[in-house]
Amino acid sequence: MSEPIKYADRCYRSGSALVAGVLLLGLAGWLGGDALVRGDGRTPVTALAALLFVVPLVVAFTFRPAVFAGDERLRVRNPFRTIVAPWGAVESIDARYSVELRADDVKYQLWAIPVSLRARNRATRHNDRLARGEDPRGGIFSLSGMGGSPDPQDLKEKSAPSDDTVSELRELAERHGEQESAQGPVSVRWAYEILAPLAVGAAGLLVLWLTS
């Protein structure tokens, strides 16, 4: 009997966070590099310590956050920790002001899936117009057909992107939660590759400040 096909994990992350990370690292590299090359006295050392502190911090909150959903487990990569939860241990996934995972009676935030209250309110207004039989585009487009026929997609109910993602994760939890291969305890690992240079940079800045 052939083994079941395993598909690659689904990856969820924020595109805007990645863009912000590129911009912030570019700015830090420009300012810090200039201070390292052209600075005099304690300036280069201060710039190096600042880079050791700032770069890991930017990476932690922009590039690092991601959620990987496979057939057996959910892997949540937050700024300073990685949480691996087999589907059998997942109790709930909710999106209120932030997306939260509850597994083994512990709650974890999913930093990679930001909740936009604006997008949620926009989807709610759209669905309310549909329920009342109004043009879902609203505004001047609903007056005397000035906007022409609405797109077929506009005639369907909508939801915020974060709520769509939560629905997908809940579906995966229900589908795979009873599998034997999806059982086990939740594991948490600290991101020492982020914390170590961050601590060195913070210590360097503190020493420089105390000795200034």
N, C-alpha and C. Protein backbone atom coordinates (compact mmCIF):
# COMPACT_ATOMS: atom_id res chain seq x y z
N MET A 1 0.85 -1.19 0.00
CA MET A 1 0.00 0.00 0.00
C MET A 1 0.88 1.24 0.00
N SER A 2 0.64 2.14 -0.93
CA SER A 2 1.46 3.35 -1.04
C SER A 2 1.16 4.32 0.08
N GLU A 3 2.17 5.07 0.49
CA GLU A 3 2.00 6.06 1.55
C GLU A 3 1.25 7.27 1.01
N PRO A 4 0.45 7.95 1.89
CA PRO A 4 -0.27 9.14 1.45
C PRO A 4 0.68 10.26 1.04
N ILE A 5 0.29 10.98 0.05
CA ILE A 5 1.13 12.09 -0.43
C ILE A 5 1.13 13.22 0.58
N LYS A 6 2.32 13.74 0.89
CA LYS A 6 2.44 14.88 1.80
C LYS A 6 2.73 16.14 1.00
N TYR A 7 1.94 17.15 1.26
CA TYR A 7 2.10 18.40 0.53
C TYR A 7 2.92 19.39 1.36
N ALA A 8 3.50 20.36 0.68
CA ALA A 8 4.29 21.38 1.37
C ALA A 8 3.40 22.19 2.31
N ASP A 9 4.01 22.65 3.40
CA ASP A 9 3.26 23.45 4.37
C ASP A 9 2.75 24.74 3.74
N ARG A 10 1.56 25.15 4.14
CA ARG A 10 1.07 26.46 3.76
C ARG A 10 1.77 27.50 4.63
N CYS A 11 2.16 28.59 4.01
CA CYS A 11 2.88 29.63 4.74
C CYS A 11 2.05 30.91 4.76
N TYR A 12 1.88 31.47 5.95
CA TYR A 12 1.15 32.72 6.11
C TYR A 12 2.09 33.75 6.73
N ARG A 13 2.20 34.91 6.10
CA ARG A 13 3.00 35.99 6.65
C ARG A 13 2.52 37.31 6.09
N SER A 14 2.94 38.41 6.71
CA SER A 14 2.48 39.74 6.33
C SER A 14 3.41 40.36 5.28
N GLY A 15 2.86 40.66 4.11
CA GLY A 15 3.64 41.31 3.06
C GLY A 15 4.08 42.70 3.45
N SER A 16 3.21 43.45 4.15
CA SER A 16 3.58 44.81 4.56
C SER A 16 4.72 44.79 5.57
N ALA A 17 4.78 43.76 6.41
CA ALA A 17 5.87 43.66 7.38
C ALA A 17 7.20 43.42 6.67
N LEU A 18 7.17 42.61 5.60
CA LEU A 18 8.40 42.35 4.84
C LEU A 18 8.91 43.63 4.18
N VAL A 19 7.98 44.41 3.61
CA VAL A 19 8.37 45.67 2.97
C VAL A 19 8.96 46.62 4.01
N ALA A 20 8.30 46.72 5.17
CA ALA A 20 8.81 47.59 6.24
C ALA A 20 10.19 47.13 6.70
N GLY A 21 10.40 45.83 6.77
CA GLY A 21 11.70 45.31 7.19
C GLY A 21 12.80 45.68 6.22
N VAL A 22 12.52 45.59 4.92
CA VAL A 22 13.53 45.97 3.92
C VAL A 22 13.89 47.45 4.06
N LEU A 23 12.88 48.29 4.22
CA LEU A 23 13.13 49.73 4.34
C LEU A 23 13.92 50.06 5.60
N LEU A 24 13.54 49.44 6.72
CA LEU A 24 14.21 49.73 7.99
C LEU A 24 15.66 49.23 7.98
N LEU A 25 15.88 48.05 7.41
CA LEU A 25 17.25 47.54 7.34
C LEU A 25 18.11 48.39 6.41
N GLY A 26 17.49 48.86 5.32
CA GLY A 26 18.22 49.74 4.42
C GLY A 26 18.63 51.03 5.11
N LEU A 27 17.70 51.60 5.88
CA LEU A 27 17.99 52.83 6.62
C LEU A 27 19.06 52.60 7.68
N ALA A 28 18.95 51.49 8.42
CA ALA A 28 19.94 51.18 9.46
C ALA A 28 21.31 50.94 8.84
N GLY A 29 21.35 50.25 7.70
CA GLY A 29 22.62 49.99 7.05
C GLY A 29 23.27 51.26 6.53
N TRP A 30 22.45 52.15 6.00
CA TRP A 30 22.97 53.42 5.48
C TRP A 30 23.55 54.28 6.60
N LEU A 31 22.75 54.48 7.65
CA LEU A 31 23.21 55.34 8.76
C LEU A 31 24.35 54.68 9.54
N GLY A 32 24.18 53.38 9.85
CA GLY A 32 25.22 52.70 10.62
C GLY A 32 26.50 52.53 9.83
N GLY A 33 26.39 52.19 8.55
CA GLY A 33 27.59 52.04 7.73
C GLY A 33 28.35 53.33 7.58
N ASP A 34 27.62 54.43 7.43
CA ASP A 34 28.28 55.73 7.31
C ASP A 34 29.03 56.08 8.59
N ALA A 35 28.39 55.76 9.75
CA ALA A 35 29.05 56.06 11.03
C ALA A 35 30.28 55.18 11.23
N LEU A 36 30.22 53.92 10.78
CA LEU A 36 31.36 53.02 10.93
C LEU A 36 32.55 53.47 10.08
N VAL A 37 32.27 53.94 8.88
CA VAL A 37 33.34 54.30 7.95
C VAL A 37 33.89 55.68 8.22
N ARG A 38 33.00 56.64 8.46
CA ARG A 38 33.42 58.03 8.57
C ARG A 38 33.51 58.56 10.00
N GLY A 39 32.98 57.82 10.94
CA GLY A 39 32.96 58.31 12.31
C GLY A 39 34.34 58.32 12.94
N ASP A 40 34.49 59.14 13.97
CA ASP A 40 35.76 59.17 14.70
C ASP A 40 35.50 58.98 16.18
N GLY A 41 36.54 58.74 16.94
CA GLY A 41 36.41 58.53 18.37
C GLY A 41 35.63 57.25 18.66
N ARG A 42 34.62 57.39 19.53
CA ARG A 42 33.79 56.24 19.90
C ARG A 42 32.62 56.01 18.96
N THR A 43 32.49 56.85 17.94
CA THR A 43 31.34 56.74 17.05
C THR A 43 31.24 55.38 16.35
N PRO A 44 32.35 54.86 15.76
CA PRO A 44 32.24 53.55 15.10
C PRO A 44 31.82 52.43 16.05
N VAL A 45 32.36 52.45 17.28
CA VAL A 45 32.00 51.41 18.25
C VAL A 45 30.53 51.54 18.64
N THR A 46 30.08 52.77 18.82
CA THR A 46 28.67 53.00 19.15
C THR A 46 27.76 52.55 18.01
N ALA A 47 28.16 52.84 16.79
CA ALA A 47 27.37 52.44 15.62
C ALA A 47 27.29 50.92 15.52
N LEU A 48 28.41 50.23 15.80
CA LEU A 48 28.42 48.78 15.74
C LEU A 48 27.48 48.18 16.79
N ALA A 49 27.54 48.71 18.01
CA ALA A 49 26.66 48.22 19.07
C ALA A 49 25.20 48.49 18.73
N ALA A 50 24.94 49.67 18.14
CA ALA A 50 23.57 50.01 17.76
C ALA A 50 23.05 49.07 16.68
N LEU A 51 23.91 48.75 15.71
CA LEU A 51 23.50 47.82 14.65
C LEU A 51 23.23 46.42 15.20
N LEU A 52 24.08 45.98 16.14
CA LEU A 52 23.86 44.67 16.75
C LEU A 52 22.54 44.62 17.52
N PHE A 53 22.08 45.77 17.99
CA PHE A 53 20.82 45.83 18.72
C PHE A 53 19.64 46.02 17.77
N VAL A 54 19.77 46.92 16.80
CA VAL A 54 18.64 47.28 15.94
C VAL A 54 18.33 46.22 14.89
N VAL A 55 19.37 45.68 14.24
CA VAL A 55 19.14 44.74 13.13
C VAL A 55 18.38 43.49 13.60
N PRO A 56 18.79 42.81 14.69
CA PRO A 56 18.01 41.65 15.15
C PRO A 56 16.58 42.02 15.53
N LEU A 57 16.41 43.23 16.07
CA LEU A 57 15.07 43.67 16.47
C LEU A 57 14.17 43.85 15.25
N VAL A 58 14.72 44.45 14.20
CA VAL A 58 13.95 44.63 12.97
C VAL A 58 13.63 43.29 12.34
N VAL A 59 14.62 42.40 12.27
CA VAL A 59 14.40 41.07 11.69
C VAL A 59 13.34 40.30 12.48
N ALA A 60 13.39 40.43 13.81
CA ALA A 60 12.47 39.69 14.67
C ALA A 60 11.02 40.07 14.41
N PHE A 61 10.77 41.36 14.19
CA PHE A 61 9.38 41.82 14.07
C PHE A 61 8.90 41.99 12.63
N THR A 62 9.77 41.81 11.65
CA THR A 62 9.34 41.97 10.26
C THR A 62 9.53 40.71 9.42
N PHE A 63 10.77 40.20 9.34
CA PHE A 63 11.05 39.03 8.51
C PHE A 63 10.71 37.71 9.19
N ARG A 64 10.91 37.63 10.48
CA ARG A 64 10.79 36.34 11.17
C ARG A 64 9.36 35.84 11.33
N PRO A 65 8.37 36.67 11.71
CA PRO A 65 7.02 36.13 11.96
C PRO A 65 6.44 35.41 10.74
N ALA A 66 6.02 34.18 10.95
CA ALA A 66 5.40 33.38 9.89
C ALA A 66 4.65 32.23 10.55
N VAL A 67 3.64 31.74 9.85
CA VAL A 67 2.87 30.59 10.32
C VAL A 67 2.91 29.53 9.23
N PHE A 68 3.30 28.31 9.60
CA PHE A 68 3.40 27.20 8.66
C PHE A 68 2.40 26.12 9.08
N ALA A 69 1.47 25.81 8.18
CA ALA A 69 0.43 24.83 8.48
C ALA A 69 0.62 23.62 7.57
N GLY A 70 0.88 22.46 8.18
CA GLY A 70 1.06 21.23 7.42
C GLY A 70 -0.03 20.23 7.74
N ASP A 71 0.17 18.99 7.35
CA ASP A 71 -0.82 17.95 7.60
C ASP A 71 -0.79 17.44 9.03
N GLU A 72 0.34 17.64 9.72
CA GLU A 72 0.47 17.08 11.06
C GLU A 72 0.55 18.12 12.16
N ARG A 73 0.93 19.34 11.80
CA ARG A 73 1.19 20.31 12.87
C ARG A 73 1.04 21.73 12.36
N LEU A 74 0.99 22.64 13.32
CA LEU A 74 1.01 24.07 13.06
C LEU A 74 2.27 24.64 13.69
N ARG A 75 3.10 25.29 12.87
CA ARG A 75 4.35 25.87 13.39
C ARG A 75 4.23 27.39 13.34
N VAL A 76 4.31 28.01 14.50
CA VAL A 76 4.15 29.46 14.63
C VAL A 76 5.51 30.08 14.96
N ARG A 77 6.01 30.90 14.05
CA ARG A 77 7.30 31.56 14.27
C ARG A 77 7.04 33.00 14.64
N ASN A 78 7.13 33.28 15.93
CA ASN A 78 6.94 34.63 16.46
C ASN A 78 8.29 35.35 16.58
N PRO A 79 8.31 36.63 16.96
CA PRO A 79 9.58 37.36 17.00
C PRO A 79 10.69 36.67 17.79
N PHE A 80 10.36 36.12 18.96
CA PHE A 80 11.41 35.56 19.81
C PHE A 80 11.22 34.09 20.15
N ARG A 81 10.13 33.49 19.65
CA ARG A 81 9.89 32.07 19.95
C ARG A 81 9.30 31.36 18.74
N THR A 82 9.48 30.06 18.70
CA THR A 82 8.82 29.22 17.70
C THR A 82 7.99 28.18 18.44
N ILE A 83 6.70 28.15 18.14
CA ILE A 83 5.78 27.23 18.79
C ILE A 83 5.35 26.18 17.77
N VAL A 84 5.52 24.92 18.11
CA VAL A 84 5.10 23.82 17.25
C VAL A 84 3.96 23.08 17.96
N ALA A 85 2.78 23.12 17.35
CA ALA A 85 1.60 22.51 17.96
C ALA A 85 1.02 21.46 17.02
N PRO A 86 1.11 20.17 17.37
CA PRO A 86 0.41 19.16 16.57
C PRO A 86 -1.09 19.48 16.53
N TRP A 87 -1.73 19.17 15.43
CA TRP A 87 -3.14 19.52 15.29
C TRP A 87 -3.99 18.93 16.40
N GLY A 88 -3.60 17.77 16.90
CA GLY A 88 -4.36 17.16 17.98
C GLY A 88 -4.33 17.95 19.27
N ALA A 89 -3.32 18.80 19.44
CA ALA A 89 -3.20 19.61 20.66
C ALA A 89 -3.87 20.97 20.53
N VAL A 90 -4.28 21.33 19.30
CA VAL A 90 -4.90 22.64 19.08
C VAL A 90 -6.34 22.63 19.59
N GLU A 91 -6.64 23.55 20.49
CA GLU A 91 -7.98 23.64 21.06
C GLU A 91 -8.84 24.69 20.36
N SER A 92 -8.23 25.80 19.97
CA SER A 92 -8.99 26.84 19.28
C SER A 92 -8.04 27.81 18.60
N ILE A 93 -8.56 28.46 17.57
CA ILE A 93 -7.85 29.54 16.88
C ILE A 93 -8.86 30.66 16.69
N ASP A 94 -8.61 31.81 17.29
CA ASP A 94 -9.58 32.91 17.28
C ASP A 94 -8.92 34.20 16.80
N ALA A 95 -9.74 35.05 16.19
CA ALA A 95 -9.27 36.37 15.75
C ALA A 95 -10.17 37.42 16.34
N ARG A 96 -9.67 38.13 17.33
CA ARG A 96 -10.40 39.27 17.89
C ARG A 96 -9.60 40.53 17.55
N TYR A 97 -8.85 41.04 18.51
CA TYR A 97 -7.96 42.16 18.21
C TYR A 97 -6.61 41.65 17.71
N SER A 98 -6.36 40.37 17.95
CA SER A 98 -5.18 39.69 17.40
C SER A 98 -5.58 38.23 17.21
N VAL A 99 -4.78 37.51 16.42
CA VAL A 99 -5.07 36.09 16.20
C VAL A 99 -4.38 35.29 17.30
N GLU A 100 -5.14 34.44 17.97
CA GLU A 100 -4.62 33.68 19.10
C GLU A 100 -4.82 32.18 18.88
N LEU A 101 -3.80 31.44 19.22
CA LEU A 101 -3.85 29.98 19.19
C LEU A 101 -3.90 29.49 20.64
N ARG A 102 -4.84 28.59 20.90
CA ARG A 102 -4.89 27.97 22.23
C ARG A 102 -4.59 26.49 22.06
N ALA A 103 -3.52 26.04 22.71
CA ALA A 103 -3.11 24.64 22.62
C ALA A 103 -2.54 24.20 23.96
N ASP A 104 -2.94 23.02 24.43
CA ASP A 104 -2.51 22.52 25.74
C ASP A 104 -2.77 23.54 26.84
N ASP A 105 -3.93 24.20 26.78
CA ASP A 105 -4.36 25.18 27.80
C ASP A 105 -3.48 26.41 27.88
N VAL A 106 -2.71 26.70 26.83
CA VAL A 106 -1.87 27.90 26.80
C VAL A 106 -2.21 28.69 25.54
N LYS A 107 -2.25 30.02 25.67
CA LYS A 107 -2.55 30.88 24.52
C LYS A 107 -1.26 31.44 23.93
N TYR A 108 -1.20 31.48 22.61
CA TYR A 108 -0.07 32.04 21.89
C TYR A 108 -0.60 32.98 20.81
N GLN A 109 0.05 34.13 20.65
CA GLN A 109 -0.32 35.05 19.59
C GLN A 109 0.35 34.65 18.28
N LEU A 110 -0.37 34.88 17.18
CA LEU A 110 0.18 34.62 15.85
C LEU A 110 0.55 35.97 15.23
N TRP A 111 1.81 36.38 15.44
CA TRP A 111 2.27 37.70 15.00
C TRP A 111 2.20 37.86 13.49
N ALA A 112 2.31 36.76 12.76
CA ALA A 112 2.39 36.84 11.30
C ALA A 112 1.04 37.15 10.65
N ILE A 113 -0.05 37.06 11.43
CA ILE A 113 -1.39 37.29 10.87
C ILE A 113 -2.00 38.48 11.60
N PRO A 114 -1.74 39.70 11.14
CA PRO A 114 -2.29 40.88 11.81
C PRO A 114 -3.79 41.01 11.55
N VAL A 115 -4.50 41.50 12.55
CA VAL A 115 -5.94 41.74 12.43
C VAL A 115 -6.17 43.20 12.10
N SER A 116 -6.87 43.45 11.00
CA SER A 116 -7.22 44.82 10.60
C SER A 116 -8.70 45.06 10.91
N LEU A 117 -8.96 45.87 11.95
CA LEU A 117 -10.35 46.19 12.28
C LEU A 117 -11.01 46.99 11.17
N ARG A 118 -10.21 47.78 10.46
CA ARG A 118 -10.75 48.55 9.33
C ARG A 118 -11.25 47.61 8.24
N ALA A 119 -10.45 46.59 7.90
CA ALA A 119 -10.86 45.64 6.87
C ALA A 119 -12.08 44.85 7.32
N ARG A 120 -12.14 44.52 8.61
CA ARG A 120 -13.29 43.78 9.12
C ARG A 120 -14.56 44.63 9.07
N ASN A 121 -14.44 45.92 9.43
CA ASN A 121 -15.60 46.80 9.38
C ASN A 121 -16.06 47.03 7.94
N ARG A 122 -15.10 47.13 7.01
CA ARG A 122 -15.44 47.30 5.60
C ARG A 122 -16.21 46.08 5.07
N ALA A 123 -15.77 44.89 5.46
CA ALA A 123 -16.46 43.67 5.04
C ALA A 123 -17.86 43.60 5.65
N THR A 124 -17.98 44.04 6.90
CA THR A 124 -19.29 44.04 7.56
C THR A 124 -20.27 44.98 6.86
N ARG A 125 -19.80 46.17 6.48
CA ARG A 125 -20.67 47.12 5.77
C ARG A 125 -21.08 46.55 4.41
N HIS A 126 -20.15 45.91 3.72
CA HIS A 126 -20.44 45.30 2.43
C HIS A 126 -21.53 44.24 2.58
N ASN A 127 -21.39 43.37 3.57
CA ASN A 127 -22.37 42.31 3.78
C ASN A 127 -23.73 42.85 4.20
N ASP A 128 -23.73 43.95 4.98
CA ASP A 128 -24.99 44.57 5.39
C ASP A 128 -25.74 45.14 4.18
N ARG A 129 -24.99 45.74 3.24
CA ARG A 129 -25.64 46.26 2.03
C ARG A 129 -26.25 45.12 1.22
N LEU A 130 -25.52 44.02 1.11
CA LEU A 130 -26.06 42.87 0.39
C LEU A 130 -27.34 42.37 1.03
N ALA A 131 -27.35 42.31 2.37
CA ALA A 131 -28.53 41.81 3.09
C ALA A 131 -29.74 42.72 2.88
N ARG A 132 -29.50 44.02 2.70
CA ARG A 132 -30.61 44.97 2.49
C ARG A 132 -30.98 45.08 1.01
N GLY A 133 -30.28 44.37 0.14
CA GLY A 133 -30.58 44.42 -1.28
C GLY A 133 -30.05 45.66 -1.96
N GLU A 134 -29.05 46.32 -1.36
CA GLU A 134 -28.48 47.54 -1.94
C GLU A 134 -27.25 47.19 -2.77
N ASP A 135 -26.80 48.17 -3.58
CA ASP A 135 -25.57 48.01 -4.33
C ASP A 135 -24.42 47.92 -3.33
N PRO A 136 -23.65 46.83 -3.31
CA PRO A 136 -22.61 46.65 -2.29
C PRO A 136 -21.48 47.66 -2.37
N ARG A 137 -21.37 48.37 -3.52
CA ARG A 137 -20.29 49.35 -3.65
C ARG A 137 -20.58 50.62 -2.87
N GLY A 138 -21.85 50.90 -2.64
CA GLY A 138 -22.23 52.06 -1.84
C GLY A 138 -21.89 53.38 -2.52
N GLY A 139 -22.09 54.47 -1.81
CA GLY A 139 -21.72 55.81 -2.29
C GLY A 139 -22.43 56.17 -3.57
N ILE A 140 -21.74 56.93 -4.44
CA ILE A 140 -22.36 57.43 -5.67
C ILE A 140 -22.63 56.31 -6.66
N PHE A 141 -21.92 55.16 -6.51
CA PHE A 141 -22.09 54.08 -7.45
C PHE A 141 -23.45 53.41 -7.31
N SER A 142 -24.13 53.63 -6.19
CA SER A 142 -25.42 53.01 -5.98
C SER A 142 -26.57 53.90 -6.43
N LEU A 143 -26.26 55.09 -6.94
CA LEU A 143 -27.29 56.03 -7.34
C LEU A 143 -27.58 55.92 -8.82
N SER A 144 -28.79 55.54 -9.16
CA SER A 144 -29.28 55.53 -10.54
C SER A 144 -28.38 54.74 -11.48
N GLY A 145 -27.71 53.75 -10.95
CA GLY A 145 -26.86 52.92 -11.82
C GLY A 145 -25.68 53.64 -12.41
N MET A 146 -25.22 54.74 -11.78
CA MET A 146 -24.12 55.53 -12.33
C MET A 146 -22.84 54.71 -12.46
N GLY A 147 -22.70 53.72 -11.62
CA GLY A 147 -21.46 52.95 -11.66
C GLY A 147 -21.54 51.75 -12.57
N GLY A 148 -22.64 51.55 -13.29
CA GLY A 148 -22.77 50.38 -14.14
C GLY A 148 -23.04 49.13 -13.31
N SER A 149 -23.02 47.99 -13.96
CA SER A 149 -23.29 46.73 -13.27
C SER A 149 -22.12 46.36 -12.36
N PRO A 150 -22.40 45.94 -11.14
CA PRO A 150 -21.31 45.57 -10.24
C PRO A 150 -20.64 44.29 -10.69
N ASP A 151 -19.39 44.14 -10.31
CA ASP A 151 -18.65 42.92 -10.60
C ASP A 151 -19.30 41.75 -9.85
N PRO A 152 -19.36 40.56 -10.47
CA PRO A 152 -19.97 39.41 -9.77
C PRO A 152 -19.36 39.14 -8.41
N GLN A 153 -18.06 39.41 -8.26
CA GLN A 153 -17.42 39.20 -6.97
C GLN A 153 -17.96 40.14 -5.91
N ASP A 154 -18.45 41.32 -6.34
CA ASP A 154 -19.00 42.28 -5.39
C ASP A 154 -20.35 41.84 -4.85
N LEU A 155 -20.96 40.85 -5.48
CA LEU A 155 -22.27 40.39 -5.04
C LEU A 155 -22.17 39.22 -4.06
N LYS A 156 -20.92 38.88 -3.67
CA LYS A 156 -20.70 37.81 -2.70
C LYS A 156 -20.33 38.41 -1.35
N GLU A 157 -20.64 37.67 -0.29
CA GLU A 157 -20.24 38.13 1.04
C GLU A 157 -18.72 38.11 1.16
N LYS A 158 -18.19 39.08 1.92
CA LYS A 158 -16.75 39.19 2.08
C LYS A 158 -16.38 39.10 3.56
N SER A 159 -15.12 38.84 3.80
CA SER A 159 -14.59 38.83 5.16
C SER A 159 -13.18 39.37 5.13
N ALA A 160 -12.68 39.81 6.28
CA ALA A 160 -11.33 40.35 6.37
C ALA A 160 -10.31 39.25 6.10
N PRO A 161 -9.14 39.60 5.51
CA PRO A 161 -8.12 38.58 5.22
C PRO A 161 -7.73 37.75 6.44
N SER A 162 -7.62 38.38 7.60
CA SER A 162 -7.24 37.62 8.80
C SER A 162 -8.31 36.61 9.17
N ASP A 163 -9.59 36.97 8.98
CA ASP A 163 -10.67 36.03 9.28
C ASP A 163 -10.68 34.87 8.29
N ASP A 164 -10.34 35.14 7.02
CA ASP A 164 -10.22 34.06 6.03
C ASP A 164 -9.12 33.08 6.43
N THR A 165 -7.99 33.63 6.88
CA THR A 165 -6.87 32.77 7.28
C THR A 165 -7.24 31.92 8.49
N VAL A 166 -7.92 32.53 9.46
CA VAL A 166 -8.34 31.78 10.65
C VAL A 166 -9.29 30.65 10.27
N SER A 167 -10.20 30.92 9.34
CA SER A 167 -11.12 29.88 8.87
C SER A 167 -10.36 28.72 8.23
N GLU A 168 -9.33 29.03 7.45
CA GLU A 168 -8.52 27.98 6.83
C GLU A 168 -7.80 27.14 7.89
N LEU A 169 -7.23 27.80 8.90
CA LEU A 169 -6.51 27.08 9.95
C LEU A 169 -7.46 26.22 10.77
N ARG A 170 -8.66 26.73 11.05
CA ARG A 170 -9.64 25.92 11.78
C ARG A 170 -10.03 24.68 10.97
N GLU A 171 -10.19 24.86 9.68
CA GLU A 171 -10.54 23.73 8.82
C GLU A 171 -9.45 22.66 8.84
N LEU A 172 -8.18 23.11 8.79
CA LEU A 172 -7.06 22.16 8.85
C LEU A 172 -7.03 21.44 10.20
N ALA A 173 -7.32 22.17 11.28
CA ALA A 173 -7.33 21.56 12.61
C ALA A 173 -8.42 20.50 12.71
N GLU A 174 -9.59 20.78 12.16
CA GLU A 174 -10.69 19.81 12.19
C GLU A 174 -10.38 18.60 11.31
N ARG A 175 -9.74 18.85 10.17
CA ARG A 175 -9.48 17.77 9.22
C ARG A 175 -8.40 16.80 9.72
N HIS A 176 -7.36 17.37 10.38
CA HIS A 176 -6.21 16.54 10.75
C HIS A 176 -6.12 16.26 12.24
N GLY A 177 -7.01 16.83 13.04
CA GLY A 177 -6.89 16.72 14.50
C GLY A 177 -6.97 15.31 15.05
N GLU A 178 -7.65 14.41 14.35
CA GLU A 178 -7.80 13.04 14.85
C GLU A 178 -6.75 12.09 14.32
N GLN A 179 -5.89 12.57 13.41
CA GLN A 179 -4.87 11.68 12.85
C GLN A 179 -3.87 11.25 13.93
N GLU A 180 -3.41 10.03 13.84
CA GLU A 180 -2.44 9.53 14.80
C GLU A 180 -1.12 10.29 14.71
N SER A 181 -0.75 10.68 13.48
CA SER A 181 0.51 11.39 13.28
C SER A 181 0.44 12.85 13.74
N ALA A 182 -0.76 13.33 14.06
CA ALA A 182 -0.93 14.73 14.46
C ALA A 182 -1.12 14.88 15.96
N GLN A 183 -0.67 13.88 16.72
CA GLN A 183 -0.80 13.93 18.18
C GLN A 183 0.56 14.24 18.81
N GLY A 184 0.53 14.72 20.04
CA GLY A 184 1.76 15.01 20.76
C GLY A 184 1.68 16.32 21.50
N PRO A 185 2.69 16.63 22.30
CA PRO A 185 2.69 17.87 23.08
C PRO A 185 3.15 19.07 22.26
N VAL A 186 2.84 20.24 22.76
CA VAL A 186 3.31 21.49 22.16
C VAL A 186 4.75 21.74 22.58
N SER A 187 5.57 22.16 21.64
CA SER A 187 6.96 22.49 21.97
C SER A 187 7.23 23.96 21.67
N VAL A 188 8.06 24.57 22.48
CA VAL A 188 8.41 25.99 22.35
C VAL A 188 9.92 26.13 22.35
N ARG A 189 10.45 26.82 21.37
CA ARG A 189 11.91 27.05 21.30
C ARG A 189 12.18 28.54 21.19
N TRP A 190 13.08 29.04 22.01
CA TRP A 190 13.47 30.44 21.96
C TRP A 190 14.39 30.69 20.77
N ALA A 191 14.25 31.85 20.15
CA ALA A 191 15.06 32.21 18.97
C ALA A 191 16.38 32.82 19.45
N TYR A 192 17.32 31.96 19.84
CA TYR A 192 18.60 32.45 20.36
C TYR A 192 19.41 33.15 19.28
N GLU A 193 19.18 32.81 18.01
CA GLU A 193 19.89 33.48 16.93
C GLU A 193 19.49 34.95 16.83
N ILE A 194 18.35 35.31 17.40
CA ILE A 194 17.90 36.71 17.49
C ILE A 194 18.30 37.30 18.83
N LEU A 195 18.08 36.54 19.89
CA LEU A 195 18.29 37.06 21.25
C LEU A 195 19.76 37.29 21.57
N ALA A 196 20.65 36.43 21.05
CA ALA A 196 22.07 36.57 21.38
C ALA A 196 22.67 37.88 20.87
N PRO A 197 22.60 38.19 19.55
CA PRO A 197 23.16 39.47 19.10
C PRO A 197 22.40 40.67 19.69
N LEU A 198 21.11 40.51 19.93
CA LEU A 198 20.33 41.60 20.55
C LEU A 198 20.87 41.92 21.94
N ALA A 199 21.17 40.87 22.71
CA ALA A 199 21.70 41.06 24.06
C ALA A 199 23.10 41.67 24.02
N VAL A 200 23.92 41.24 23.06
CA VAL A 200 25.27 41.80 22.93
C VAL A 200 25.20 43.28 22.58
N GLY A 201 24.32 43.62 21.64
CA GLY A 201 24.18 45.03 21.26
C GLY A 201 23.67 45.88 22.40
N ALA A 202 22.68 45.37 23.15
CA ALA A 202 22.14 46.11 24.29
C ALA A 202 23.20 46.30 25.37
N ALA A 203 24.00 45.24 25.63
CA ALA A 203 25.06 45.35 26.63
C ALA A 203 26.12 46.35 26.19
N GLY A 204 26.46 46.33 24.90
CA GLY A 204 27.45 47.28 24.39
C GLY A 204 26.98 48.72 24.52
N LEU A 205 25.72 48.97 24.18
CA LEU A 205 25.18 50.33 24.31
C LEU A 205 25.14 50.76 25.77
N LEU A 206 24.82 49.84 26.67
CA LEU A 206 24.77 50.17 28.10
C LEU A 206 26.17 50.53 28.61
N VAL A 207 27.16 49.74 28.23
CA VAL A 207 28.55 50.01 28.66
C VAL A 207 29.00 51.36 28.13
N LEU A 208 28.73 51.63 26.86
CA LEU A 208 29.13 52.91 26.27
C LEU A 208 28.44 54.07 26.96
N TRP A 209 27.19 53.88 27.34
CA TRP A 209 26.46 54.98 28.01
C TRP A 209 27.02 55.20 29.42
N LEU A 210 27.34 54.10 30.14
CA LEU A 210 27.85 54.23 31.51
C LEU A 210 29.26 54.83 31.53
N THR A 211 30.03 54.63 30.47
CA THR A 211 31.40 55.12 30.44
C THR A 211 31.56 56.43 29.67
N SER A 212 30.45 57.00 29.26
CA SER A 212 30.55 58.25 28.49
C SER A 212 30.78 59.45 29.42
